[in-house]
Amino acid sequence: MTSFLAPVRAWHRPLTVCAALMFVLVLVSGVGTVVDGRTLLDESVWVKPLKFGFAFGLYAGTLAWLLTKLTRGRRLGRWLGTVFAVAATVEVGAITAQAARGTFSHFNADQTDPVTLALVPLLTSGVMVIVIAQLILAVVVLIQRTGGAALNRAIRAGLALATFGMVVPVFWMVTEIHSRTVTDANGHSVQMYQGHGIGDPDGHGMPLTNWSVTGGDFRVPHFFALHGIQVLLLITAVLAALAAERVWLRDEKVRARLVGTAALGYTGLVAVVTWQAWRGQSLIHPDTATLLALAAVLLLTVGTTARVIVTAQRATAQPAAAQQAGIPELSHLAR
C-alpha cells in the first residue's frame, strides 16, 4: 500500500490546493443548504456548488496523486495539472457566485444581468479547457507505465471513463437546445437556452442529485463515468490488501485481470445509463430493455470474474497438491 499512495506533500501542489478548496466549499455549501431557504427549480441554491465542489475535489485529488506516478512527460503533465486546477477553480467559483446571487449559472441566457454576462463565457470556456486538458493528460498516461499491471489497468480504464464523462456535458450543450423562461430565487424571470433533462428539460429532480425523475438526464452518465477511476483505484487497493491473506491473489496478473473485469462491468454500466438517458428515461424508472441490458452487463461481469478466480485458485492449488503428494515419497526414501 505504501507504493500505492505517495505522501501528500509530493502530490501536485496546484491540484492539491484545488481539491482542498473544493472540500471547504462542500462544507460551506452544506451549511448553506440548512440556513438559506432560497431555491432554484425546487432545490436549494447551494446544492449545485456542493455537488460540483465534491466532484471536482475528489477528481482533482485523484489527479494530484496520479501525476506523482508519471515517468515520461512529467513537465507536460504537471503543466496540464496546473491548467486543470485553475480552470476547475474558476468554473466552480463562477457557479458558487451565481448560487450566492440566487440565480442560474449554466444555460443562463439573461442579457440584462451584467454579472451573468461576464460569468457565462467563463463557464463555457472553462468546460472546454477542462476537457482538453483531460484528453491530453489521458494520452500522457497511456504512453507510460505508472506501476504494476493492476494499477496500470485501473488508471488507464479510469481515465478513459473520466474523459467520456467530461465529453458528455459538451455533447448535451451542443445537441439539446430547449429555450424557455424560468424563475430564479429572487423572483426574476430568466431566459434559459438549455436544460439537463432529456424529454423534460428541467425535470423534477431526485433529492440532492436533482437527476430528473420525469425524463432522461445526462448528468447520470456524467457522474458515473467521471468517478469510475476512483472506483477502480479502490478495487485495486482492496485486492492488494487481500493478497496478504489469499495466496491466489498474490500474482499481479490475477489482480490485473480482476481489475479488468471490474472495468468491463463498470464501462457496461456507464453505457447502459447513457443509452437510458438518451432515450429520455429516468434512472429510477427503467423499462424492460434497460433492465435486460443491465442484467446482461451483470452476468458478463460476474461470469468473467468467476472464471478469473477459479482459474487462479486452481493454478495455486496444483503446486500445493503436488508438494503434498511428494511428502510420503520423500519419507520412504529417507528410511
C-alpha atoms as a PDB file:
ATOM      1  CA  MET A   1       0.000   0.000   0.000  1.00  0.00           C
ATOM      2  CA  THR A   2       2.931   2.381   0.567  1.00  0.00           C
ATOM      3  CA  SER A   3       3.710   2.219  -3.151  1.00  0.00           C
ATOM      4  CA  PHE A   4       0.056   2.852  -3.968  1.00  0.00           C
ATOM      5  CA  LEU A   5      -0.169   6.121  -2.038  1.00  0.00           C
ATOM      6  CA  ALA A   6       2.619   8.660  -2.265  1.00  0.00           C
ATOM      7  CA  PRO A   7       2.968  11.168   0.600  1.00  0.00           C
ATOM      8  CA  VAL A   8       0.503  14.007   0.159  1.00  0.00           C
ATOM      9  CA  ARG A   9       3.315  16.575   0.245  1.00  0.00           C
ATOM     10  CA  ALA A  10       4.662  15.069  -3.006  1.00  0.00           C
ATOM     11  CA  TRP A  11       1.338  15.443  -4.797  1.00  0.00           C
ATOM     12  CA  HIS A  12       0.849  18.092  -7.482  1.00  0.00           C
ATOM     13  CA  ARG A  13       0.566  21.300  -5.450  1.00  0.00           C
ATOM     14  CA  PRO A  14      -1.999  23.316  -7.501  1.00  0.00           C
ATOM     15  CA  LEU A  15      -4.313  20.303  -7.797  1.00  0.00           C
ATOM     16  CA  THR A  16      -3.967  19.570  -4.070  1.00  0.00           C
ATOM     17  CA  VAL A  17      -4.861  23.183  -3.249  1.00  0.00           C
ATOM     18  CA  CYS A  18      -7.774  22.983  -5.695  1.00  0.00           C
ATOM     19  CA  ALA A  19      -9.047  19.813  -4.013  1.00  0.00           C
ATOM     20  CA  ALA A  20      -8.753  21.411  -0.554  1.00  0.00           C
ATOM     21  CA  LEU A  21     -10.689  24.497  -1.695  1.00  0.00           C
ATOM     22  CA  MET A  22     -13.398  22.287  -3.179  1.00  0.00           C
ATOM     23  CA  PHE A  23     -13.888  20.354   0.051  1.00  0.00           C
ATOM     24  CA  VAL A  24     -14.073  23.623   2.007  1.00  0.00           C
ATOM     25  CA  LEU A  25     -16.791  24.666  -0.452  1.00  0.00           C
ATOM     26  CA  VAL A  26     -18.630  21.400   0.248  1.00  0.00           C
ATOM     27  CA  LEU A  27     -18.724  22.269   3.959  1.00  0.00           C
ATOM     28  CA  VAL A  28     -19.827  25.872   3.313  1.00  0.00           C
ATOM     29  CA  SER A  29     -22.491  24.753   0.842  1.00  0.00           C
ATOM     30  CA  GLY A  30     -23.719  22.113   3.268  1.00  0.00           C
ATOM     31  CA  VAL A  31     -24.285  24.837   5.858  1.00  0.00           C
ATOM     32  CA  GLY A  32     -25.922  26.981   3.179  1.00  0.00           C
ATOM     33  CA  THR A  33     -28.490  24.298   2.348  1.00  0.00           C
ATOM     34  CA  VAL A  34     -29.559  24.362   6.007  1.00  0.00           C
ATOM     35  CA  VAL A  35     -29.593  28.083   6.788  1.00  0.00           C
ATOM     36  CA  ASP A  36     -30.525  29.546   3.387  1.00  0.00           C
ATOM     37  CA  GLY A  37     -34.093  28.832   2.304  1.00  0.00           C
ATOM     38  CA  ARG A  38     -33.739  30.122  -1.275  1.00  0.00           C
ATOM     39  CA  THR A  39     -34.377  27.631  -4.071  1.00  0.00           C
ATOM     40  CA  LEU A  40     -33.788  27.243  -7.797  1.00  0.00           C
ATOM     41  CA  LEU A  41     -36.134  24.847  -9.594  1.00  0.00           C
ATOM     42  CA  ASP A  42     -37.211  23.389  -6.238  1.00  0.00           C
ATOM     43  CA  GLU A  43     -33.706  22.735  -4.858  1.00  0.00           C
ATOM     44  CA  SER A  44     -31.513  24.805  -2.545  1.00  0.00           C
ATOM     45  CA  VAL A  45     -29.333  27.345  -4.343  1.00  0.00           C
ATOM     46  CA  TRP A  46     -26.356  25.741  -2.551  1.00  0.00           C
ATOM     47  CA  VAL A  47     -26.870  22.198  -3.828  1.00  0.00           C
ATOM     48  CA  LYS A  48     -25.110  22.840  -7.139  1.00  0.00           C
ATOM     49  CA  PRO A  49     -21.920  24.291  -5.564  1.00  0.00           C
ATOM     50  CA  LEU A  50     -21.964  21.377  -3.101  1.00  0.00           C
ATOM     51  CA  LYS A  51     -22.147  18.789  -5.891  1.00  0.00           C
ATOM     52  CA  PHE A  52     -19.536  20.474  -8.064  1.00  0.00           C
ATOM     53  CA  GLY A  53     -17.241  21.001  -5.089  1.00  0.00           C
ATOM     54  CA  PHE A  54     -17.421  17.334  -4.140  1.00  0.00           C
ATOM     55  CA  ALA A  55     -16.949  16.068  -7.708  1.00  0.00           C
ATOM     56  CA  PHE A  56     -14.043  18.357  -8.564  1.00  0.00           C
ATOM     57  CA  GLY A  57     -12.446  17.921  -5.142  1.00  0.00           C
ATOM     58  CA  LEU A  58     -12.427  14.155  -5.494  1.00  0.00           C
ATOM     59  CA  TYR A  59     -11.163  14.237  -9.076  1.00  0.00           C
ATOM     60  CA  ALA A  60      -8.533  16.947  -8.502  1.00  0.00           C
ATOM     61  CA  GLY A  61      -7.194  14.954  -5.551  1.00  0.00           C
ATOM     62  CA  THR A  62      -7.001  11.844  -7.717  1.00  0.00           C
ATOM     63  CA  LEU A  63      -5.110  13.714 -10.440  1.00  0.00           C
ATOM     64  CA  ALA A  64      -2.766  15.285  -7.866  1.00  0.00           C
ATOM     65  CA  TRP A  65      -1.776  11.772  -6.766  1.00  0.00           C
ATOM     66  CA  LEU A  66      -1.714  10.344 -10.294  1.00  0.00           C
ATOM     67  CA  LEU A  67       0.813  12.920 -11.522  1.00  0.00           C
ATOM     68  CA  THR A  68       3.326  11.610  -8.969  1.00  0.00           C
ATOM     69  CA  LYS A  69       3.318   8.295 -10.886  1.00  0.00           C
ATOM     70  CA  LEU A  70       4.431   9.767 -14.230  1.00  0.00           C
ATOM     71  CA  THR A  71       7.837   8.705 -15.548  1.00  0.00           C
ATOM     72  CA  ARG A  72       7.508  10.279 -19.003  1.00  0.00           C
ATOM     73  CA  GLY A  73       6.184  13.715 -19.901  1.00  0.00           C
ATOM     74  CA  ARG A  74       6.360  14.863 -16.282  1.00  0.00           C
ATOM     75  CA  ARG A  75       6.759  18.535 -17.142  1.00  0.00           C
ATOM     76  CA  LEU A  76       3.820  18.448 -19.558  1.00  0.00           C
ATOM     77  CA  GLY A  77       1.738  16.518 -17.041  1.00  0.00           C
ATOM     78  CA  ARG A  78       2.433  18.997 -14.249  1.00  0.00           C
ATOM     79  CA  TRP A  79       1.685  21.943 -16.529  1.00  0.00           C
ATOM     80  CA  LEU A  80      -1.618  20.374 -17.607  1.00  0.00           C
ATOM     81  CA  GLY A  81      -2.429  19.673 -13.962  1.00  0.00           C
ATOM     82  CA  THR A  82      -1.988  23.364 -13.177  1.00  0.00           C
ATOM     83  CA  VAL A  83      -4.212  24.334 -16.116  1.00  0.00           C
ATOM     84  CA  PHE A  84      -6.854  21.866 -14.915  1.00  0.00           C
ATOM     85  CA  ALA A  85      -6.676  23.184 -11.338  1.00  0.00           C
ATOM     86  CA  VAL A  86      -7.033  26.837 -12.401  1.00  0.00           C
ATOM     87  CA  ALA A  87      -9.869  26.092 -14.846  1.00  0.00           C
ATOM     88  CA  ALA A  88     -11.743  23.985 -12.275  1.00  0.00           C
ATOM     89  CA  THR A  89     -11.363  26.668  -9.601  1.00  0.00           C
ATOM     90  CA  VAL A  90     -12.635  29.384 -11.946  1.00  0.00           C
ATOM     91  CA  GLU A  91     -15.516  27.182 -13.120  1.00  0.00           C
ATOM     92  CA  VAL A  92     -16.721  26.270  -9.643  1.00  0.00           C
ATOM     93  CA  GLY A  93     -16.070  29.815  -8.412  1.00  0.00           C
ATOM     94  CA  ALA A  94     -18.430  31.170 -11.077  1.00  0.00           C
ATOM     95  CA  ILE A  95     -21.044  28.542 -10.164  1.00  0.00           C
ATOM     96  CA  THR A  96     -20.772  29.495  -6.491  1.00  0.00           C
ATOM     97  CA  ALA A  97     -21.026  33.233  -7.242  1.00  0.00           C
ATOM     98  CA  GLN A  98     -24.230  32.701  -9.207  1.00  0.00           C
ATOM     99  CA  ALA A  99     -25.644  30.466  -6.473  1.00  0.00           C
ATOM    100  CA  ALA A 100     -24.921  33.094  -3.821  1.00  0.00           C
ATOM    101  CA  ARG A 101     -26.738  35.628  -6.029  1.00  0.00           C
ATOM    102  CA  GLY A 102     -29.730  33.278  -6.229  1.00  0.00           C
ATOM    103  CA  THR A 103     -29.624  32.778  -9.973  1.00  0.00           C
ATOM    104  CA  PHE A 104     -28.600  30.202 -12.561  1.00  0.00           C
ATOM    105  CA  SER A 105     -25.048  29.557 -13.730  1.00  0.00           C
ATOM    106  CA  HIS A 106     -25.078  27.159 -16.698  1.00  0.00           C
ATOM    107  CA  PHE A 107     -27.529  27.714 -19.583  1.00  0.00           C
ATOM    108  CA  ASN A 108     -28.361  31.242 -18.367  1.00  0.00           C
ATOM    109  CA  ALA A 109     -29.186  33.447 -21.368  1.00  0.00           C
ATOM    110  CA  ASP A 110     -30.203  36.538 -19.392  1.00  0.00           C
ATOM    111  CA  GLN A 111     -28.933  39.541 -21.364  1.00  0.00           C
ATOM    112  CA  THR A 112     -29.991  42.119 -18.749  1.00  0.00           C
ATOM    113  CA  ASP A 113     -27.687  40.997 -15.912  1.00  0.00           C
ATOM    114  CA  PRO A 114     -24.091  42.265 -16.316  1.00  0.00           C
ATOM    115  CA  VAL A 115     -22.691  39.753 -13.816  1.00  0.00           C
ATOM    116  CA  THR A 116     -24.247  36.841 -15.692  1.00  0.00           C
ATOM    117  CA  LEU A 117     -22.964  38.232 -18.984  1.00  0.00           C
ATOM    118  CA  ALA A 118     -19.443  38.277 -17.506  1.00  0.00           C
ATOM    119  CA  LEU A 119     -19.580  34.822 -15.905  1.00  0.00           C
ATOM    120  CA  VAL A 120     -21.287  32.726 -18.600  1.00  0.00           C
ATOM    121  CA  PRO A 121     -18.296  32.943 -21.016  1.00  0.00           C
ATOM    122  CA  LEU A 122     -16.045  31.791 -18.145  1.00  0.00           C
ATOM    123  CA  LEU A 123     -18.320  28.805 -17.540  1.00  0.00           C
ATOM    124  CA  THR A 124     -18.429  27.868 -21.216  1.00  0.00           C
ATOM    125  CA  SER A 125     -14.699  28.256 -21.870  1.00  0.00           C
ATOM    126  CA  GLY A 126     -13.875  26.592 -18.544  1.00  0.00           C
ATOM    127  CA  VAL A 127     -15.612  23.385 -19.606  1.00  0.00           C
ATOM    128  CA  MET A 128     -13.657  23.297 -22.871  1.00  0.00           C
ATOM    129  CA  VAL A 129     -10.306  23.925 -21.138  1.00  0.00           C
ATOM    130  CA  ILE A 130     -11.000  21.153 -18.621  1.00  0.00           C
ATOM    131  CA  VAL A 131     -11.978  18.673 -21.342  1.00  0.00           C
ATOM    132  CA  ILE A 132      -8.918  19.454 -23.499  1.00  0.00           C
ATOM    133  CA  ALA A 133      -6.554  19.201 -20.511  1.00  0.00           C
ATOM    134  CA  GLN A 134      -8.154  15.884 -19.573  1.00  0.00           C
ATOM    135  CA  LEU A 135      -7.744  14.493 -23.098  1.00  0.00           C
ATOM    136  CA  ILE A 136      -4.042  15.379 -23.238  1.00  0.00           C
ATOM    137  CA  LEU A 137      -3.444  14.020 -19.727  1.00  0.00           C
ATOM    138  CA  ALA A 138      -5.061  10.743 -20.761  1.00  0.00           C
ATOM    139  CA  VAL A 139      -2.652  10.479 -23.704  1.00  0.00           C
ATOM    140  CA  VAL A 140       0.328  11.241 -21.448  1.00  0.00           C
ATOM    141  CA  VAL A 141      -0.693   8.424 -19.104  1.00  0.00           C
ATOM    142  CA  LEU A 142      -1.251   5.970 -21.957  1.00  0.00           C
ATOM    143  CA  ILE A 143       2.350   6.250 -23.196  1.00  0.00           C
ATOM    144  CA  GLN A 144       3.910   5.040 -19.956  1.00  0.00           C
ATOM    145  CA  ARG A 145       3.707   2.507 -17.183  1.00  0.00           C
ATOM    146  CA  THR A 146       2.868   4.039 -13.836  1.00  0.00           C
ATOM    147  CA  GLY A 147       3.075   0.953 -11.609  1.00  0.00           C
ATOM    148  CA  GLY A 148       2.083  -2.718 -11.523  1.00  0.00           C
ATOM    149  CA  ALA A 149      -0.223  -4.288 -14.093  1.00  0.00           C
ATOM    150  CA  ALA A 150      -3.322  -3.932 -11.885  1.00  0.00           C
ATOM    151  CA  LEU A 151      -2.685  -0.258 -11.132  1.00  0.00           C
ATOM    152  CA  ASN A 152      -1.906   0.469 -14.789  1.00  0.00           C
ATOM    153  CA  ARG A 153      -5.165  -1.086 -15.874  1.00  0.00           C
ATOM    154  CA  ALA A 154      -7.184   0.802 -13.252  1.00  0.00           C
ATOM    155  CA  ILE A 155      -5.637   4.153 -14.174  1.00  0.00           C
ATOM    156  CA  ARG A 156      -5.994   3.700 -17.920  1.00  0.00           C
ATOM    157  CA  ALA A 157      -9.574   2.446 -17.809  1.00  0.00           C
ATOM    158  CA  GLY A 158     -10.488   5.058 -15.202  1.00  0.00           C
ATOM    159  CA  LEU A 159      -9.056   7.931 -17.238  1.00  0.00           C
ATOM    160  CA  ALA A 160     -10.864   6.697 -20.355  1.00  0.00           C
ATOM    161  CA  LEU A 161     -14.135   6.667 -18.416  1.00  0.00           C
ATOM    162  CA  ALA A 162     -13.462  10.093 -16.897  1.00  0.00           C
ATOM    163  CA  THR A 163     -12.706  11.541 -20.326  1.00  0.00           C
ATOM    164  CA  PHE A 164     -16.003  10.184 -21.634  1.00  0.00           C
ATOM    165  CA  GLY A 165     -17.735  11.639 -18.576  1.00  0.00           C
ATOM    166  CA  MET A 166     -16.345  15.089 -19.338  1.00  0.00           C
ATOM    167  CA  VAL A 167     -17.316  14.902 -23.012  1.00  0.00           C
ATOM    168  CA  VAL A 168     -20.955  14.096 -22.173  1.00  0.00           C
ATOM    169  CA  PRO A 169     -21.751  17.660 -20.928  1.00  0.00           C
ATOM    170  CA  VAL A 170     -20.252  19.104 -24.114  1.00  0.00           C
ATOM    171  CA  PHE A 171     -22.483  16.756 -26.118  1.00  0.00           C
ATOM    172  CA  TRP A 172     -25.693  17.883 -24.439  1.00  0.00           C
ATOM    173  CA  MET A 173     -24.625  21.557 -24.627  1.00  0.00           C
ATOM    174  CA  VAL A 174     -24.432  21.195 -28.405  1.00  0.00           C
ATOM    175  CA  THR A 175     -27.404  18.918 -29.104  1.00  0.00           C
ATOM    176  CA  GLU A 176     -30.103  19.674 -26.509  1.00  0.00           C
ATOM    177  CA  ILE A 177     -31.455  23.190 -27.091  1.00  0.00           C
ATOM    178  CA  HIS A 178     -34.610  23.962 -25.089  1.00  0.00           C
ATOM    179  CA  SER A 179     -35.216  27.699 -24.825  1.00  0.00           C
ATOM    180  CA  ARG A 180     -37.646  28.666 -22.063  1.00  0.00           C
ATOM    181  CA  THR A 181     -38.204  31.133 -19.234  1.00  0.00           C
ATOM    182  CA  VAL A 182     -37.859  30.130 -15.572  1.00  0.00           C
ATOM    183  CA  THR A 183     -37.893  31.995 -12.262  1.00  0.00           C
ATOM    184  CA  ASP A 184     -34.788  32.379 -10.105  1.00  0.00           C
ATOM    185  CA  ALA A 185     -34.579  32.548  -6.292  1.00  0.00           C
ATOM    186  CA  ASN A 186     -35.122  36.322  -6.384  1.00  0.00           C
ATOM    187  CA  GLY A 187     -38.387  36.037  -8.271  1.00  0.00           C
ATOM    188  CA  HIS A 188     -36.885  37.308 -11.531  1.00  0.00           C
ATOM    189  CA  SER A 189     -37.702  35.736 -14.887  1.00  0.00           C
ATOM    190  CA  VAL A 190     -34.596  34.261 -16.518  1.00  0.00           C
ATOM    191  CA  GLN A 191     -34.256  33.126 -20.111  1.00  0.00           C
ATOM    192  CA  MET A 192     -32.610  29.672 -20.353  1.00  0.00           C
ATOM    193  CA  TYR A 193     -31.345  28.149 -23.593  1.00  0.00           C
ATOM    194  CA  GLN A 194     -30.997  24.590 -22.370  1.00  0.00           C
ATOM    195  CA  GLY A 195     -31.660  22.147 -19.535  1.00  0.00           C
ATOM    196  CA  HIS A 196     -30.213  18.960 -18.104  1.00  0.00           C
ATOM    197  CA  GLY A 197     -33.263  16.805 -18.718  1.00  0.00           C
ATOM    198  CA  ILE A 198     -33.934  14.835 -21.894  1.00  0.00           C
ATOM    199  CA  GLY A 199     -37.619  14.868 -22.701  1.00  0.00           C
ATOM    200  CA  ASP A 200     -38.278  17.152 -19.738  1.00  0.00           C
ATOM    201  CA  PRO A 201     -35.692  19.992 -19.805  1.00  0.00           C
ATOM    202  CA  ASP A 202     -35.630  20.625 -16.064  1.00  0.00           C
ATOM    203  CA  GLY A 203     -37.344  17.514 -14.822  1.00  0.00           C
ATOM    204  CA  HIS A 204     -38.495  17.002 -11.279  1.00  0.00           C
ATOM    205  CA  GLY A 205     -35.315  16.035  -9.527  1.00  0.00           C
ATOM    206  CA  MET A 206     -34.295  13.397  -7.039  1.00  0.00           C
ATOM    207  CA  PRO A 207     -33.165  14.578  -3.592  1.00  0.00           C
ATOM    208  CA  LEU A 208     -29.625  16.024  -3.580  1.00  0.00           C
ATOM    209  CA  THR A 209     -28.596  14.870  -7.084  1.00  0.00           C
ATOM    210  CA  ASN A 210     -31.607  16.573  -8.713  1.00  0.00           C
ATOM    211  CA  TRP A 211     -31.427  13.994 -11.519  1.00  0.00           C
ATOM    212  CA  SER A 212     -34.703  14.023 -13.408  1.00  0.00           C
ATOM    213  CA  VAL A 213     -37.421  11.570 -12.394  1.00  0.00           C
ATOM    214  CA  THR A 214     -39.644  12.568 -15.319  1.00  0.00           C
ATOM    215  CA  GLY A 215     -37.189  12.101 -18.177  1.00  0.00           C
ATOM    216  CA  GLY A 216     -33.632  11.269 -19.120  1.00  0.00           C
ATOM    217  CA  ASP A 217     -30.700  13.166 -17.625  1.00  0.00           C
ATOM    218  CA  PHE A 218     -27.135  13.242 -18.991  1.00  0.00           C
ATOM    219  CA  ARG A 219     -25.822  14.152 -15.543  1.00  0.00           C
ATOM    220  CA  VAL A 220     -26.260  10.464 -14.663  1.00  0.00           C
ATOM    221  CA  PRO A 221     -23.653   9.049 -17.104  1.00  0.00           C
ATOM    222  CA  HIS A 222     -21.524  12.154 -16.463  1.00  0.00           C
ATOM    223  CA  PHE A 223     -21.378  11.306 -12.752  1.00  0.00           C
ATOM    224  CA  PHE A 224     -20.828   7.555 -13.133  1.00  0.00           C
ATOM    225  CA  ALA A 225     -18.139   7.923 -15.798  1.00  0.00           C
ATOM    226  CA  LEU A 226     -16.300  10.760 -14.044  1.00  0.00           C
ATOM    227  CA  HIS A 227     -15.907   8.785 -10.830  1.00  0.00           C
ATOM    228  CA  GLY A 228     -15.104   5.413 -12.382  1.00  0.00           C
ATOM    229  CA  ILE A 229     -11.392   5.991 -11.783  1.00  0.00           C
ATOM    230  CA  GLN A 230     -11.940   6.258  -8.013  1.00  0.00           C
ATOM    231  CA  VAL A 231     -13.973   3.040  -8.038  1.00  0.00           C
ATOM    232  CA  LEU A 232     -11.281   1.149  -9.967  1.00  0.00           C
ATOM    233  CA  LEU A 233      -8.442   2.502  -7.819  1.00  0.00           C
ATOM    234  CA  LEU A 234     -10.356   1.451  -4.702  1.00  0.00           C
ATOM    235  CA  ILE A 235     -10.834  -2.066  -6.119  1.00  0.00           C
ATOM    236  CA  THR A 236      -7.099  -2.214  -6.901  1.00  0.00           C
ATOM    237  CA  ALA A 237      -6.220  -1.193  -3.346  1.00  0.00           C
ATOM    238  CA  VAL A 238      -8.638  -3.740  -1.831  1.00  0.00           C
ATOM    239  CA  LEU A 239      -7.226  -6.555  -3.978  1.00  0.00           C
ATOM    240  CA  ALA A 240      -3.676  -5.617  -2.942  1.00  0.00           C
ATOM    241  CA  ALA A 241      -4.705  -5.715   0.717  1.00  0.00           C
ATOM    242  CA  LEU A 242      -6.480  -9.078   0.344  1.00  0.00           C
ATOM    243  CA  ALA A 243      -3.399 -10.578  -1.315  1.00  0.00           C
ATOM    244  CA  ALA A 244      -1.735 -10.801   2.104  1.00  0.00           C
ATOM    245  CA  GLU A 245      -4.361 -13.367   3.173  1.00  0.00           C
ATOM    246  CA  ARG A 246      -5.217 -15.100  -0.106  1.00  0.00           C
ATOM    247  CA  VAL A 247      -2.369 -16.802  -1.929  1.00  0.00           C
ATOM    248  CA  TRP A 248      -4.132 -16.872  -5.287  1.00  0.00           C
ATOM    249  CA  LEU A 249      -4.310 -13.062  -5.280  1.00  0.00           C
ATOM    250  CA  ARG A 250      -0.556 -12.584  -4.900  1.00  0.00           C
ATOM    251  CA  ASP A 251       0.001 -12.936  -8.621  1.00  0.00           C
ATOM    252  CA  GLU A 252      -0.045  -9.417 -10.125  1.00  0.00           C
ATOM    253  CA  LYS A 253      -1.543 -10.759 -13.341  1.00  0.00           C
ATOM    254  CA  VAL A 254      -4.516 -12.201 -11.487  1.00  0.00           C
ATOM    255  CA  ARG A 255      -5.238  -8.862  -9.794  1.00  0.00           C
ATOM    256  CA  ALA A 256      -4.875  -7.104 -13.161  1.00  0.00           C
ATOM    257  CA  ARG A 257      -7.426  -9.487 -14.713  1.00  0.00           C
ATOM    258  CA  LEU A 258      -9.860  -8.827 -11.865  1.00  0.00           C
ATOM    259  CA  VAL A 259      -9.436  -5.073 -12.281  1.00  0.00           C
ATOM    260  CA  GLY A 260     -10.068  -5.635 -15.992  1.00  0.00           C
ATOM    261  CA  THR A 261     -13.345  -7.454 -15.320  1.00  0.00           C
ATOM    262  CA  ALA A 262     -14.389  -4.653 -12.944  1.00  0.00           C
ATOM    263  CA  ALA A 263     -13.558  -2.081 -15.629  1.00  0.00           C
ATOM    264  CA  LEU A 264     -15.549  -4.088 -18.171  1.00  0.00           C
ATOM    265  CA  GLY A 265     -18.578  -4.192 -15.889  1.00  0.00           C
ATOM    266  CA  TYR A 266     -18.336  -0.515 -14.951  1.00  0.00           C
ATOM    267  CA  THR A 267     -17.998   0.509 -18.598  1.00  0.00           C
ATOM    268  CA  GLY A 268     -21.084  -1.551 -19.366  1.00  0.00           C
ATOM    269  CA  LEU A 269     -22.972   0.243 -16.591  1.00  0.00           C
ATOM    270  CA  VAL A 270     -21.944   3.649 -17.994  1.00  0.00           C
ATOM    271  CA  ALA A 271     -23.017   2.552 -21.488  1.00  0.00           C
ATOM    272  CA  VAL A 272     -26.437   1.447 -20.241  1.00  0.00           C
ATOM    273  CA  VAL A 273     -27.195   4.613 -18.229  1.00  0.00           C
ATOM    274  CA  THR A 274     -26.020   6.747 -21.182  1.00  0.00           C
ATOM    275  CA  TRP A 275     -28.347   4.855 -23.519  1.00  0.00           C
ATOM    276  CA  GLN A 276     -31.131   5.154 -20.956  1.00  0.00           C
ATOM    277  CA  ALA A 277     -30.711   8.926 -20.628  1.00  0.00           C
ATOM    278  CA  TRP A 278     -30.506   9.365 -24.408  1.00  0.00           C
ATOM    279  CA  ARG A 279     -33.919   7.703 -24.718  1.00  0.00           C
ATOM    280  CA  GLY A 280     -35.436  10.227 -22.296  1.00  0.00           C
ATOM    281  CA  GLN A 281     -35.795   7.708 -19.479  1.00  0.00           C
ATOM    282  CA  SER A 282     -35.238   8.439 -15.803  1.00  0.00           C
ATOM    283  CA  LEU A 283     -32.606   6.428 -13.935  1.00  0.00           C
ATOM    284  CA  ILE A 284     -35.173   5.257 -11.372  1.00  0.00           C
ATOM    285  CA  HIS A 285     -37.794   4.281 -13.965  1.00  0.00           C
ATOM    286  CA  PRO A 286     -36.017   1.737 -16.198  1.00  0.00           C
ATOM    287  CA  ASP A 287     -38.036  -0.099 -18.821  1.00  0.00           C
ATOM    288  CA  THR A 288     -37.683  -3.769 -19.764  1.00  0.00           C
ATOM    289  CA  ALA A 289     -34.963  -3.077 -22.344  1.00  0.00           C
ATOM    290  CA  THR A 290     -32.848  -1.196 -19.793  1.00  0.00           C
ATOM    291  CA  LEU A 291     -33.274  -3.924 -17.188  1.00  0.00           C
ATOM    292  CA  LEU A 292     -32.287  -6.599 -19.698  1.00  0.00           C
ATOM    293  CA  ALA A 293     -29.189  -4.605 -20.677  1.00  0.00           C
ATOM    294  CA  LEU A 294     -28.210  -4.197 -17.014  1.00  0.00           C
ATOM    295  CA  ALA A 295     -28.768  -7.915 -16.430  1.00  0.00           C
ATOM    296  CA  ALA A 296     -26.536  -8.764 -19.403  1.00  0.00           C
ATOM    297  CA  VAL A 297     -23.765  -6.498 -18.049  1.00  0.00           C
ATOM    298  CA  LEU A 298     -24.099  -8.070 -14.604  1.00  0.00           C
ATOM    299  CA  LEU A 299     -23.987 -11.644 -15.929  1.00  0.00           C
ATOM    300  CA  LEU A 300     -20.982 -10.900 -18.132  1.00  0.00           C
ATOM    301  CA  THR A 301     -19.109  -9.262 -15.252  1.00  0.00           C
ATOM    302  CA  VAL A 302     -19.913 -11.995 -12.748  1.00  0.00           C
ATOM    303  CA  GLY A 303     -19.082 -14.720 -15.263  1.00  0.00           C
ATOM    304  CA  THR A 304     -15.688 -13.285 -16.262  1.00  0.00           C
ATOM    305  CA  THR A 305     -14.813 -12.545 -12.625  1.00  0.00           C
ATOM    306  CA  ALA A 306     -15.709 -16.072 -11.537  1.00  0.00           C
ATOM    307  CA  ARG A 307     -13.622 -17.538 -14.342  1.00  0.00           C
ATOM    308  CA  VAL A 308     -10.563 -15.495 -13.305  1.00  0.00           C
ATOM    309  CA  ILE A 309     -10.979 -16.502  -9.641  1.00  0.00           C
ATOM    310  CA  VAL A 310     -11.475 -20.217 -10.349  1.00  0.00           C
ATOM    311  CA  THR A 311      -8.519 -20.329 -12.752  1.00  0.00           C
ATOM    312  CA  ALA A 312      -6.258 -18.551 -10.238  1.00  0.00           C
ATOM    313  CA  GLN A 313      -7.299 -20.802  -7.359  1.00  0.00           C
ATOM    314  CA  ARG A 314      -6.682 -23.934  -9.426  1.00  0.00           C
ATOM    315  CA  ALA A 315      -3.262 -22.678 -10.506  1.00  0.00           C
ATOM    316  CA  THR A 316      -2.347 -22.065  -6.863  1.00  0.00           C
ATOM    317  CA  ALA A 317      -3.749 -25.375  -5.659  1.00  0.00           C
ATOM    318  CA  GLN A 318      -1.831 -27.552  -8.163  1.00  0.00           C
ATOM    319  CA  PRO A 319       1.698 -26.891  -6.819  1.00  0.00           C
ATOM    320  CA  ALA A 320       0.447 -27.329  -3.259  1.00  0.00           C
ATOM    321  CA  ALA A 321      -1.180 -30.665  -4.132  1.00  0.00           C
ATOM    322  CA  ALA A 322       1.963 -31.843  -5.902  1.00  0.00           C
ATOM    323  CA  GLN A 323       4.086 -30.926  -2.895  1.00  0.00           C
ATOM    324  CA  GLN A 324       1.787 -32.800  -0.519  1.00  0.00           C
ATOM    325  CA  ALA A 325       1.850 -35.852  -2.786  1.00  0.00           C
ATOM    326  CA  GLY A 326       5.645 -35.868  -2.686  1.00  0.00           C
ATOM    327  CA  ILE A 327       5.981 -35.908   1.111  1.00  0.00           C
ATOM    328  CA  PRO A 328       5.342 -39.679   1.659  1.00  0.00           C
ATOM    329  CA  GLU A 329       7.718 -40.499  -1.173  1.00  0.00           C
ATOM    330  CA  LEU A 330      10.486 -38.454   0.421  1.00  0.00           C
ATOM    331  CA  SER A 331       9.841 -40.135   3.802  1.00  0.00           C
ATOM    332  CA  HIS A 332      10.110 -43.544   2.192  1.00  0.00           C
ATOM    333  CA  LEU A 333      13.477 -42.667   0.646  1.00  0.00           C
ATOM    334  CA  ALA A 334      14.744 -41.424   3.995  1.00  0.00           C
ATOM    335  CA  ARG A 335      14.038 -44.809   5.555  1.00  0.00           C
END
